[in-house]
PDB file of all heavy atoms in Angstrom:
ATOM      1  N   CYS A   1      19.573   6.881 -12.255  1.00  0.00           N
ATOM      2  CA  CYS A   1      20.667   7.505 -13.003  1.00  0.00           C
ATOM      3  C   CYS A   1      20.247   7.859 -14.423  1.00  0.00           C
ATOM      4  O   CYS A   1      20.629   8.910 -14.949  1.00  0.00           O
ATOM      5  CB  CYS A   1      21.890   6.582 -13.028  1.00  0.00           C
ATOM      6  SG  CYS A   1      22.690   6.414 -11.421  1.00  0.00           S
ATOM      7  N   CYS A   2      19.472   6.980 -15.018  1.00  0.00           N
ATOM      8  CA  CYS A   2      18.971   7.246 -16.372  1.00  0.00           C
ATOM      9  C   CYS A   2      18.091   8.493 -16.375  1.00  0.00           C
ATOM     10  O   CYS A   2      18.209   9.348 -17.259  1.00  0.00           O
ATOM     11  CB  CYS A   2      18.204   6.031 -16.884  1.00  0.00           C
ATOM     12  SG  CYS A   2      17.619   6.189 -18.589  1.00  0.00           S
ATOM     13  N   SER A   3      17.228   8.605 -15.373  1.00  0.00           N
ATOM     14  CA  SER A   3      16.330   9.766 -15.306  1.00  0.00           C
ATOM     15  C   SER A   3      17.101  11.052 -15.043  1.00  0.00           C
ATOM     16  O   SER A   3      16.703  12.132 -15.486  1.00  0.00           O
ATOM     17  CB  SER A   3      15.271   9.559 -14.217  1.00  0.00           C
ATOM     18  OG  SER A   3      15.851   9.586 -12.926  1.00  0.00           O
ATOM     19  N   LEU A   4      18.232  10.932 -14.326  1.00  0.00           N
ATOM     20  CA  LEU A   4      19.053  12.110 -14.013  1.00  0.00           C
ATOM     21  C   LEU A   4      20.114  12.381 -15.086  1.00  0.00           C
ATOM     22  O   LEU A   4      20.841  13.372 -15.009  1.00  0.00           O
ATOM     23  CB  LEU A   4      19.752  11.911 -12.661  1.00  0.00           C
ATOM     24  CG  LEU A   4      18.849  11.860 -11.430  1.00  0.00           C
ATOM     25  CD1 LEU A   4      19.653  11.448 -10.204  1.00  0.00           C
ATOM     26  CD2 LEU A   4      18.183  13.215 -11.196  1.00  0.00           C
ATOM     27  N   LYS A   5      20.227  11.461 -16.046  1.00  0.00           N
ATOM     28  CA  LYS A   5      21.212  11.571 -17.134  1.00  0.00           C
ATOM     29  C   LYS A   5      22.638  11.619 -16.595  1.00  0.00           C
ATOM     30  O   LYS A   5      23.456  12.460 -16.966  1.00  0.00           O
ATOM     31  CB  LYS A   5      20.913  12.786 -18.010  1.00  0.00           C
ATOM     32  CG  LYS A   5      19.566  12.723 -18.698  1.00  0.00           C
ATOM     33  CD  LYS A   5      19.295  13.945 -19.550  1.00  0.00           C
ATOM     34  CE  LYS A   5      17.922  13.846 -20.204  1.00  0.00           C
ATOM     35  NZ  LYS A   5      17.596  15.042 -21.007  1.00  0.00           N
ATOM     36  N   VAL A   6      22.936  10.657 -15.697  1.00  0.00           N
ATOM     37  CA  VAL A   6      24.280  10.519 -15.142  1.00  0.00           C
ATOM     38  C   VAL A   6      24.744   9.077 -15.312  1.00  0.00           C
ATOM     39  O   VAL A   6      23.931   8.167 -15.512  1.00  0.00           O
ATOM     40  CB  VAL A   6      24.330  10.915 -13.650  1.00  0.00           C
ATOM     41  CG1 VAL A   6      23.961  12.384 -13.472  1.00  0.00           C
ATOM     42  CG2 VAL A   6      23.409  10.029 -12.807  1.00  0.00           C
ATOM     43  N   HIS A   7      26.039   8.868 -15.207  1.00  0.00           N
ATOM     44  CA  HIS A   7      26.609   7.527 -15.363  1.00  0.00           C
ATOM     45  C   HIS A   7      26.548   6.773 -14.035  1.00  0.00           C
ATOM     46  O   HIS A   7      27.033   7.267 -13.017  1.00  0.00           O
ATOM     47  CB  HIS A   7      28.057   7.636 -15.836  1.00  0.00           C
ATOM     48  CG  HIS A   7      28.757   6.315 -15.925  1.00  0.00           C
ATOM     49  ND1 HIS A   7      28.406   5.351 -16.847  1.00  0.00           N
ATOM     50  CD2 HIS A   7      29.777   5.790 -15.195  1.00  0.00           C
ATOM     51  CE1 HIS A   7      29.181   4.299 -16.688  1.00  0.00           C
ATOM     52  NE2 HIS A   7      30.018   4.528 -15.692  1.00  0.00           N
ATOM     53  N   PRO A   8      25.958   5.572 -14.006  1.00  0.00           N
ATOM     54  CA  PRO A   8      25.837   4.821 -12.745  1.00  0.00           C
ATOM     55  C   PRO A   8      27.100   4.021 -12.422  1.00  0.00           C
ATOM     56  O   PRO A   8      27.713   3.408 -13.292  1.00  0.00           O
ATOM     57  CB  PRO A   8      24.663   3.875 -13.020  1.00  0.00           C
ATOM     58  CG  PRO A   8      24.709   3.640 -14.499  1.00  0.00           C
ATOM     59  CD  PRO A   8      25.246   4.912 -15.110  1.00  0.00           C
ATOM     60  N   ILE A   9      27.482   4.025 -11.149  1.00  0.00           N
ATOM     61  CA  ILE A   9      28.591   3.207 -10.657  1.00  0.00           C
ATOM     62  C   ILE A   9      28.104   2.506  -9.388  1.00  0.00           C
ATOM     63  O   ILE A   9      27.586   3.153  -8.476  1.00  0.00           O
ATOM     64  CB  ILE A   9      29.831   4.052 -10.331  1.00  0.00           C
ATOM     65  CG1 ILE A   9      30.341   4.773 -11.590  1.00  0.00           C
ATOM     66  CG2 ILE A   9      30.939   3.175  -9.738  1.00  0.00           C
ATOM     67  CD1 ILE A   9      31.437   5.781 -11.300  1.00  0.00           C
ATOM     68  N   ILE A  10      28.276   1.189  -9.324  1.00  0.00           N
ATOM     69  CA  ILE A  10      27.879   0.431  -8.134  1.00  0.00           C
ATOM     70  C   ILE A  10      29.132  -0.131  -7.479  1.00  0.00           C
ATOM     71  O   ILE A  10      29.877  -0.900  -8.089  1.00  0.00           O
ATOM     72  CB  ILE A  10      26.887  -0.685  -8.489  1.00  0.00           C
ATOM     73  CG1 ILE A  10      25.610  -0.085  -9.090  1.00  0.00           C
ATOM     74  CG2 ILE A  10      26.552  -1.514  -7.243  1.00  0.00           C
ATOM     75  CD1 ILE A  10      24.595  -1.108  -9.553  1.00  0.00           C
ATOM     76  N   HIS A  11      29.374   0.281  -6.239  1.00  0.00           N
ATOM     77  CA  HIS A  11      30.559  -0.142  -5.499  1.00  0.00           C
ATOM     78  C   HIS A  11      30.244  -1.328  -4.604  1.00  0.00           C
ATOM     79  O   HIS A  11      29.179  -1.395  -3.993  1.00  0.00           O
ATOM     80  CB  HIS A  11      31.071   0.993  -4.600  1.00  0.00           C
ATOM     81  CG  HIS A  11      31.648   2.147  -5.347  1.00  0.00           C
ATOM     82  ND1 HIS A  11      32.715   2.022  -6.207  1.00  0.00           N
ATOM     83  CD2 HIS A  11      31.313   3.467  -5.351  1.00  0.00           C
ATOM     84  CE1 HIS A  11      33.019   3.206  -6.701  1.00  0.00           C
ATOM     85  NE2 HIS A  11      32.172   4.102  -6.211  1.00  0.00           N
ATOM     86  N   ARG A  12      31.202  -2.219  -4.500  1.00  0.00           N
ATOM     87  CA  ARG A  12      31.112  -3.289  -3.514  1.00  0.00           C
ATOM     88  C   ARG A  12      31.511  -2.747  -2.144  1.00  0.00           C
ATOM     89  O   ARG A  12      32.363  -1.874  -2.030  1.00  0.00           O
ATOM     90  CB  ARG A  12      32.036  -4.447  -3.882  1.00  0.00           C
ATOM     91  CG  ARG A  12      31.635  -5.154  -5.143  1.00  0.00           C
ATOM     92  CD  ARG A  12      32.414  -6.418  -5.341  1.00  0.00           C
ATOM     93  NE  ARG A  12      33.850  -6.195  -5.419  1.00  0.00           N
ATOM     94  CZ  ARG A  12      34.734  -7.149  -5.673  1.00  0.00           C
ATOM     95  NH1 ARG A  12      34.325  -8.373  -5.856  1.00  0.00           N
ATOM     96  NH2 ARG A  12      36.009  -6.888  -5.748  1.00  0.00           N
ATOM     97  N   PHE A  13      30.908  -3.292  -1.118  1.00  0.00           N
ATOM     98  CA  PHE A  13      31.241  -2.897   0.240  1.00  0.00           C
ATOM     99  C   PHE A  13      32.627  -3.413   0.619  1.00  0.00           C
ATOM    100  O   PHE A  13      32.959  -4.572   0.386  1.00  0.00           O
ATOM    101  CB  PHE A  13      30.203  -3.443   1.221  1.00  0.00           C
ATOM    102  CG  PHE A  13      30.593  -3.297   2.665  1.00  0.00           C
ATOM    103  CD1 PHE A  13      30.718  -2.038   3.231  1.00  0.00           C
ATOM    104  CD2 PHE A  13      30.844  -4.415   3.444  1.00  0.00           C
ATOM    105  CE1 PHE A  13      31.078  -1.893   4.569  1.00  0.00           C
ATOM    106  CE2 PHE A  13      31.194  -4.281   4.772  1.00  0.00           C
ATOM    107  CZ  PHE A  13      31.313  -3.021   5.333  1.00  0.00           C
ATOM    108  N   THR A  14      33.448  -2.525   1.191  1.00  0.00           N
ATOM    109  CA  THR A  14      34.768  -2.893   1.687  1.00  0.00           C
ATOM    110  C   THR A  14      34.808  -2.621   3.188  1.00  0.00           C
ATOM    111  O   THR A  14      34.649  -1.475   3.612  1.00  0.00           O
ATOM    112  CB  THR A  14      35.866  -2.070   0.986  1.00  0.00           C
ATOM    113  OG1 THR A  14      35.761  -2.254  -0.429  1.00  0.00           O
ATOM    114  CG2 THR A  14      37.240  -2.517   1.448  1.00  0.00           C
ATOM    115  N   PRO A  15      35.014  -3.634   4.003  1.00  0.00           N
ATOM    116  CA  PRO A  15      34.965  -3.451   5.462  1.00  0.00           C
ATOM    117  C   PRO A  15      36.234  -2.835   6.030  1.00  0.00           C
ATOM    118  O   PRO A  15      36.980  -3.472   6.776  1.00  0.00           O
ATOM    119  CB  PRO A  15      34.745  -4.884   5.975  1.00  0.00           C
ATOM    120  CG  PRO A  15      35.369  -5.753   4.936  1.00  0.00           C
ATOM    121  CD  PRO A  15      35.175  -5.047   3.625  1.00  0.00           C
ATOM    122  N   ASN A  16      36.490  -1.573   5.668  1.00  0.00           N
ATOM    123  CA  ASN A  16      37.608  -0.813   6.212  1.00  0.00           C
ATOM    124  C   ASN A  16      37.062   0.421   6.919  1.00  0.00           C
ATOM    125  O   ASN A  16      35.937   0.856   6.654  1.00  0.00           O
ATOM    126  CB  ASN A  16      38.574  -0.387   5.104  1.00  0.00           C
ATOM    127  CG  ASN A  16      39.275  -1.566   4.462  1.00  0.00           C
ATOM    128  OD1 ASN A  16      39.503  -2.580   5.097  1.00  0.00           O
ATOM    129  ND2 ASN A  16      39.616  -1.436   3.194  1.00  0.00           N
ATOM    130  N   GLY A  17      37.879   1.035   7.788  1.00  0.00           N
ATOM    131  CA  GLY A  17      37.454   2.252   8.462  1.00  0.00           C
ATOM    132  C   GLY A  17      36.175   2.043   9.253  1.00  0.00           C
ATOM    133  O   GLY A  17      36.022   1.052   9.975  1.00  0.00           O
ATOM    134  N   ARG A  18      35.217   2.992   9.100  1.00  0.00           N
ATOM    135  CA  ARG A  18      33.932   2.827   9.795  1.00  0.00           C
ATOM    136  C   ARG A  18      33.133   1.667   9.219  1.00  0.00           C
ATOM    137  O   ARG A  18      32.228   1.141   9.874  1.00  0.00           O
ATOM    138  CB  ARG A  18      33.119   4.132   9.721  1.00  0.00           C
ATOM    139  CG  ARG A  18      33.529   5.152  10.766  1.00  0.00           C
ATOM    140  CD  ARG A  18      32.450   6.192  11.006  1.00  0.00           C
ATOM    141  NE  ARG A  18      32.175   7.014   9.846  1.00  0.00           N
ATOM    142  CZ  ARG A  18      32.828   8.122   9.543  1.00  0.00           C
ATOM    143  NH1 ARG A  18      33.828   8.537  10.303  1.00  0.00           N
ATOM    144  NH2 ARG A  18      32.501   8.824   8.470  1.00  0.00           N
ATOM    145  N   GLY A  19      33.450   1.279   7.992  1.00  0.00           N
ATOM    146  CA  GLY A  19      32.780   0.124   7.404  1.00  0.00           C
ATOM    147  C   GLY A  19      33.028  -1.135   8.209  1.00  0.00           C
ATOM    148  O   GLY A  19      32.130  -1.969   8.384  1.00  0.00           O
ATOM    149  N   ALA A  20      34.254  -1.286   8.739  1.00  0.00           N
ATOM    150  CA  ALA A  20      34.578  -2.451   9.567  1.00  0.00           C
ATOM    151  C   ALA A  20      33.816  -2.397  10.890  1.00  0.00           C
ATOM    152  O   ALA A  20      33.367  -3.427  11.410  1.00  0.00           O
ATOM    153  CB  ALA A  20      36.078  -2.502   9.820  1.00  0.00           C
ATOM    154  N   GLN A  21      33.659  -1.184  11.429  1.00  0.00           N
ATOM    155  CA  GLN A  21      32.956  -1.017  12.709  1.00  0.00           C
ATOM    156  C   GLN A  21      31.454  -1.269  12.573  1.00  0.00           C
ATOM    157  O   GLN A  21      30.801  -1.695  13.516  1.00  0.00           O
ATOM    158  CB  GLN A  21      33.190   0.396  13.245  1.00  0.00           C
ATOM    159  CG  GLN A  21      34.652   0.712  13.526  1.00  0.00           C
ATOM    160  CD  GLN A  21      34.888   2.207  13.738  1.00  0.00           C
ATOM    161  OE1 GLN A  21      33.952   3.008  13.787  1.00  0.00           O
ATOM    162  NE2 GLN A  21      36.151   2.584  13.847  1.00  0.00           N
ATOM    163  N   ASN A  22      30.917  -0.994  11.379  1.00  0.00           N
ATOM    164  CA  ASN A  22      29.464  -1.083  11.164  1.00  0.00           C
ATOM    165  C   ASN A  22      29.074  -2.206  10.208  1.00  0.00           C
ATOM    166  O   ASN A  22      28.020  -2.155   9.585  1.00  0.00           O
ATOM    167  CB  ASN A  22      28.954   0.247  10.603  1.00  0.00           C
ATOM    168  CG  ASN A  22      29.093   1.375  11.604  1.00  0.00           C
ATOM    169  OD1 ASN A  22      28.626   1.291  12.726  1.00  0.00           O
ATOM    170  ND2 ASN A  22      29.761   2.453  11.196  1.00  0.00           N
ATOM    171  N   ILE A  23      29.918  -3.218  10.120  1.00  0.00           N
ATOM    172  CA  ILE A  23      29.698  -4.272   9.131  1.00  0.00           C
ATOM    173  C   ILE A  23      28.327  -4.936   9.285  1.00  0.00           C
ATOM    174  O   ILE A  23      27.662  -5.249   8.303  1.00  0.00           O
ATOM    175  CB  ILE A  23      30.833  -5.325   9.193  1.00  0.00           C
ATOM    176  CG1 ILE A  23      30.712  -6.310   8.018  1.00  0.00           C
ATOM    177  CG2 ILE A  23      30.873  -6.044  10.526  1.00  0.00           C
ATOM    178  CD1 ILE A  23      31.941  -7.176   7.848  1.00  0.00           C
ATOM    179  N   ASP A  24      27.871  -5.123  10.521  1.00  0.00           N
ATOM    180  CA  ASP A  24      26.570  -5.782  10.735  1.00  0.00           C
ATOM    181  C   ASP A  24      25.398  -4.906  10.287  1.00  0.00           C
ATOM    182  O   ASP A  24      24.320  -5.421   9.966  1.00  0.00           O
ATOM    183  CB  ASP A  24      26.396  -6.143  12.219  1.00  0.00           C
ATOM    184  CG  ASP A  24      27.359  -7.237  12.661  1.00  0.00           C
ATOM    185  OD1 ASP A  24      27.803  -8.001  11.790  1.00  0.00           O
ATOM    186  OD2 ASP A  24      27.673  -7.305  13.857  1.00  0.00           O
ATOM    187  N   LYS A  25      25.605  -3.583  10.266  1.00  0.00           N
ATOM    188  CA  LYS A  25      24.546  -2.669   9.837  1.00  0.00           C
ATOM    189  C   LYS A  25      24.453  -2.579   8.312  1.00  0.00           C
ATOM    190  O   LYS A  25      23.402  -2.222   7.771  1.00  0.00           O
ATOM    191  CB  LYS A  25      24.809  -1.263  10.389  1.00  0.00           C
ATOM    192  CG  LYS A  25      24.750  -1.137  11.893  1.00  0.00           C
ATOM    193  CD  LYS A  25      25.047   0.302  12.306  1.00  0.00           C
ATOM    194  CE  LYS A  25      25.044   0.459  13.815  1.00  0.00           C
ATOM    195  NZ  LYS A  25      25.384   1.852  14.203  1.00  0.00           N
ATOM    196  N   ILE A  26      25.557  -2.870   7.641  1.00  0.00           N
ATOM    197  CA  ILE A  26      25.651  -2.601   6.206  1.00  0.00           C
ATOM    198  C   ILE A  26      25.595  -3.861   5.353  1.00  0.00           C
ATOM    199  O   ILE A  26      24.966  -3.898   4.306  1.00  0.00           O
ATOM    200  CB  ILE A  26      26.970  -1.855   5.887  1.00  0.00           C
ATOM    201  CG1 ILE A  26      27.075  -0.578   6.720  1.00  0.00           C
ATOM    202  CG2 ILE A  26      27.079  -1.535   4.401  1.00  0.00           C
ATOM    203  CD1 ILE A  26      28.463   0.037   6.689  1.00  0.00           C
ATOM    204  N   PHE A  27      26.242  -4.902   5.829  1.00  0.00           N
ATOM    205  CA  PHE A  27      26.587  -6.038   4.972  1.00  0.00           C
ATOM    206  C   PHE A  27      25.666  -7.233   5.201  1.00  0.00           C
ATOM    207  O   PHE A  27      25.260  -7.513   6.320  1.00  0.00           O
ATOM    208  CB  PHE A  27      28.030  -6.436   5.266  1.00  0.00           C
ATOM    209  CG  PHE A  27      28.542  -7.547   4.418  1.00  0.00           C
ATOM    210  CD1 PHE A  27      28.962  -7.308   3.127  1.00  0.00           C
ATOM    211  CD2 PHE A  27      28.599  -8.836   4.905  1.00  0.00           C
ATOM    212  CE1 PHE A  27      29.441  -8.338   2.335  1.00  0.00           C
ATOM    213  CE2 PHE A  27      29.074  -9.870   4.124  1.00  0.00           C
ATOM    214  CZ  PHE A  27      29.497  -9.611   2.837  1.00  0.00           C
ATOM    215  N   THR A  28      25.371  -7.952   4.124  1.00  0.00           N
ATOM    216  CA  THR A  28      24.695  -9.246   4.219  1.00  0.00           C
ATOM    217  C   THR A  28      25.364 -10.218   3.261  1.00  0.00           C
ATOM    218  O   THR A  28      25.976  -9.813   2.268  1.00  0.00           O
ATOM    219  CB  THR A  28      23.201  -9.161   3.846  1.00  0.00           C
ATOM    220  OG1 THR A  28      23.082  -8.846   2.451  1.00  0.00           O
ATOM    221  CG2 THR A  28      22.478  -8.112   4.669  1.00  0.00           C
ATOM    222  N   GLU A  29      25.248 -11.505   3.543  1.00  0.00           N
ATOM    223  CA  GLU A  29      25.809 -12.520   2.653  1.00  0.00           C
ATOM    224  C   GLU A  29      25.171 -12.440   1.267  1.00  0.00           C
ATOM    225  O   GLU A  29      25.823 -12.657   0.236  1.00  0.00           O
ATOM    226  CB  GLU A  29      25.600 -13.910   3.245  1.00  0.00           C
ATOM    227  CG  GLU A  29      26.360 -14.133   4.540  1.00  0.00           C
ATOM    228  CD  GLU A  29      25.969 -15.427   5.216  1.00  0.00           C
ATOM    229  OE1 GLU A  29      25.357 -16.287   4.542  1.00  0.00           O
ATOM    230  OE2 GLU A  29      26.275 -15.589   6.400  1.00  0.00           O
ATOM    231  N   LYS A  30      23.891 -12.119   1.237  1.00  0.00           N
ATOM    232  CA  LYS A  30      23.178 -12.030  -0.039  1.00  0.00           C
ATOM    233  C   LYS A  30      23.760 -10.937  -0.919  1.00  0.00           C
ATOM    234  O   LYS A  30      23.933 -11.109  -2.128  1.00  0.00           O
ATOM    235  CB  LYS A  30      21.697 -11.758   0.216  1.00  0.00           C
ATOM    236  CG  LYS A  30      20.838 -11.792  -1.038  1.00  0.00           C
ATOM    237  CD  LYS A  30      19.369 -11.590  -0.694  1.00  0.00           C
ATOM    238  CE  LYS A  30      18.512 -11.634  -1.952  1.00  0.00           C
ATOM    239  NZ  LYS A  30      17.086 -11.395  -1.643  1.00  0.00           N
ATOM    240  N   VAL A  31      24.086  -9.782  -0.306  1.00  0.00           N
ATOM    241  CA  VAL A  31      24.700  -8.683  -1.064  1.00  0.00           C
ATOM    242  C   VAL A  31      26.031  -9.133  -1.633  1.00  0.00           C
ATOM    243  O   VAL A  31      26.361  -8.870  -2.793  1.00  0.00           O
ATOM    244  CB  VAL A  31      24.891  -7.446  -0.155  1.00  0.00           C
ATOM    245  CG1 VAL A  31      25.757  -6.402  -0.853  1.00  0.00           C
ATOM    246  CG2 VAL A  31      23.544  -6.841   0.197  1.00  0.00           C
ATOM    247  N   TYR A  32      26.823  -9.829  -0.822  1.00  0.00           N
ATOM    248  CA  TYR A  32      28.121 -10.320  -1.280  1.00  0.00           C
ATOM    249  C   TYR A  32      27.951 -11.244  -2.482  1.00  0.00           C
ATOM    250  O   TYR A  32      28.651 -11.123  -3.483  1.00  0.00           O
ATOM    251  CB  TYR A  32      28.828 -11.066  -0.154  1.00  0.00           C
ATOM    252  CG  TYR A  32      30.194 -11.572  -0.540  1.00  0.00           C
ATOM    253  CD1 TYR A  32      31.324 -10.786  -0.357  1.00  0.00           C
ATOM    254  CD2 TYR A  32      30.357 -12.830  -1.109  1.00  0.00           C
ATOM    255  CE1 TYR A  32      32.572 -11.244  -0.729  1.00  0.00           C
ATOM    256  CE2 TYR A  32      31.596 -13.294  -1.485  1.00  0.00           C
ATOM    257  CZ  TYR A  32      32.706 -12.500  -1.289  1.00  0.00           C
ATOM    258  OH  TYR A  32      33.940 -12.959  -1.672  1.00  0.00           O
ATOM    259  N   LEU A  33      27.026 -12.170  -2.381  1.00  0.00           N
ATOM    260  CA  LEU A  33      26.794 -13.133  -3.459  1.00  0.00           C
ATOM    261  C   LEU A  33      26.380 -12.416  -4.735  1.00  0.00           C
ATOM    262  O   LEU A  33      26.891 -12.701  -5.825  1.00  0.00           O
ATOM    263  CB  LEU A  33      25.721 -14.140  -3.035  1.00  0.00           C
ATOM    264  CG  LEU A  33      25.382 -15.237  -4.047  1.00  0.00           C
ATOM    265  CD1 LEU A  33      26.594 -16.101  -4.309  1.00  0.00           C
ATOM    266  CD2 LEU A  33      24.221 -16.085  -3.539  1.00  0.00           C
ATOM    267  N   GLU A  34      25.452 -11.470  -4.626  1.00  0.00           N
ATOM    268  CA  GLU A  34      24.946 -10.762  -5.798  1.00  0.00           C
ATOM    269  C   GLU A  34      26.038  -9.962  -6.506  1.00  0.00           C
ATOM    270  O   GLU A  34      26.066  -9.864  -7.726  1.00  0.00           O
ATOM    271  CB  GLU A  34      23.817  -9.814  -5.395  1.00  0.00           C
ATOM    272  CG  GLU A  34      22.515 -10.511  -5.062  1.00  0.00           C
ATOM    273  CD  GLU A  34      21.441  -9.526  -4.644  1.00  0.00           C
ATOM    274  OE1 GLU A  34      21.760  -8.345  -4.467  1.00  0.00           O
ATOM    275  OE2 GLU A  34      20.289  -9.963  -4.489  1.00  0.00           O
ATOM    276  N   ASN A  35      26.967  -9.400  -5.737  1.00  0.00           N
ATOM    277  CA  ASN A  35      27.945  -8.494  -6.314  1.00  0.00           C
ATOM    278  C   ASN A  35      29.282  -9.137  -6.638  1.00  0.00           C
ATOM    279  O   ASN A  35      30.094  -8.545  -7.337  1.00  0.00           O
ATOM    280  CB  ASN A  35      28.162  -7.299  -5.382  1.00  0.00           C
ATOM    281  CG  ASN A  35      26.968  -6.374  -5.386  1.00  0.00           C
ATOM    282  OD1 ASN A  35      26.823  -5.545  -6.259  1.00  0.00           O
ATOM    283  ND2 ASN A  35      26.084  -6.546  -4.411  1.00  0.00           N
ATOM    284  N   ASN A  36      29.529 -10.334  -6.159  1.00  0.00           N
ATOM    285  CA  ASN A  36      30.796 -10.993  -6.413  1.00  0.00           C
ATOM    286  C   ASN A  36      30.671 -12.216  -7.309  1.00  0.00           C
ATOM    287  O   ASN A  36      31.667 -12.673  -7.838  1.00  0.00           O
ATOM    288  CB  ASN A  36      31.457 -11.400  -5.094  1.00  0.00           C
ATOM    289  CG  ASN A  36      31.965 -10.204  -4.330  1.00  0.00           C
ATOM    290  OD1 ASN A  36      33.077  -9.753  -4.533  1.00  0.00           O
ATOM    291  ND2 ASN A  36      31.129  -9.662  -3.461  1.00  0.00           N
ATOM    292  N   VAL A  37      29.479 -12.757  -7.456  1.00  0.00           N
ATOM    293  CA  VAL A  37      29.351 -13.998  -8.203  1.00  0.00           C
ATOM    294  C   VAL A  37      28.326 -13.903  -9.312  1.00  0.00           C
ATOM    295  O   VAL A  37      27.778 -14.892  -9.752  1.00  0.00           O
ATOM    296  CB  VAL A  37      28.959 -15.169  -7.271  1.00  0.00           C
ATOM    297  CG1 VAL A  37      29.888 -16.331  -7.488  1.00  0.00           C
ATOM    298  CG2 VAL A  37      28.968 -14.820  -5.825  1.00  0.00           C
ATOM    299  N   ARG A  38      28.061 -12.699  -9.743  1.00  0.00           N
ATOM    300  CA  ARG A  38      27.048 -12.526 -10.782  1.00  0.00           C
ATOM    301  C   ARG A  38      27.552 -13.055 -12.118  1.00  0.00           C
ATOM    302  O   ARG A  38      26.841 -13.691 -12.867  1.00  0.00           O
ATOM    303  CB  ARG A  38      26.702 -11.042 -10.894  1.00  0.00           C
ATOM    304  CG  ARG A  38      25.522 -10.762 -11.785  1.00  0.00           C
ATOM    305  CD  ARG A  38      25.104  -9.314 -11.667  1.00  0.00           C
ATOM    306  NE  ARG A  38      24.560  -9.040 -10.348  1.00  0.00           N
ATOM    307  CZ  ARG A  38      24.268  -7.810  -9.930  1.00  0.00           C
ATOM    308  NH1 ARG A  38      24.481  -6.785 -10.697  1.00  0.00           N
ATOM    309  NH2 ARG A  38      23.757  -7.630  -8.730  1.00  0.00           N
ATOM    310  N   LYS A  39      28.838 -12.784 -12.403  1.00  0.00           N
ATOM    311  CA  LYS A  39      29.444 -13.254 -13.645  1.00  0.00           C
ATOM    312  C   LYS A  39      30.857 -13.745 -13.358  1.00  0.00           C
ATOM    313  O   LYS A  39      31.497 -13.316 -12.405  1.00  0.00           O
ATOM    314  CB  LYS A  39      29.477 -12.137 -14.690  1.00  0.00           C
ATOM    315  CG  LYS A  39      28.122 -11.776 -15.266  1.00  0.00           C
ATOM    316  CD  LYS A  39      28.261 -10.767 -16.385  1.00  0.00           C
ATOM    317  CE  LYS A  39      26.899 -10.449 -16.998  1.00  0.00           C
ATOM    318  NZ  LYS A  39      27.025  -9.456 -18.099  1.00  0.00           N
ATOM    319  N   ALA A  40      31.324 -14.634 -14.206  1.00  0.00           N
ATOM    320  CA  ALA A  40      32.693 -15.120 -14.098  1.00  0.00           C
ATOM    321  C   ALA A  40      33.596 -14.197 -14.906  1.00  0.00           C
ATOM    322  O   ALA A  40      33.450 -14.092 -16.126  1.00  0.00           O
ATOM    323  CB  ALA A  40      32.778 -16.551 -14.629  1.00  0.00           C
TER     324      ALA A  40
END
């Protein structure tokens, strides 16, 4: 994003729609931990 001069946004995975159908392809416990417990 810095190289492209754009503002970065990082979304958490939400298991709705096709996300719920493909949760095993997309989601890991490690990703959840990194994105939900990084800061209080």
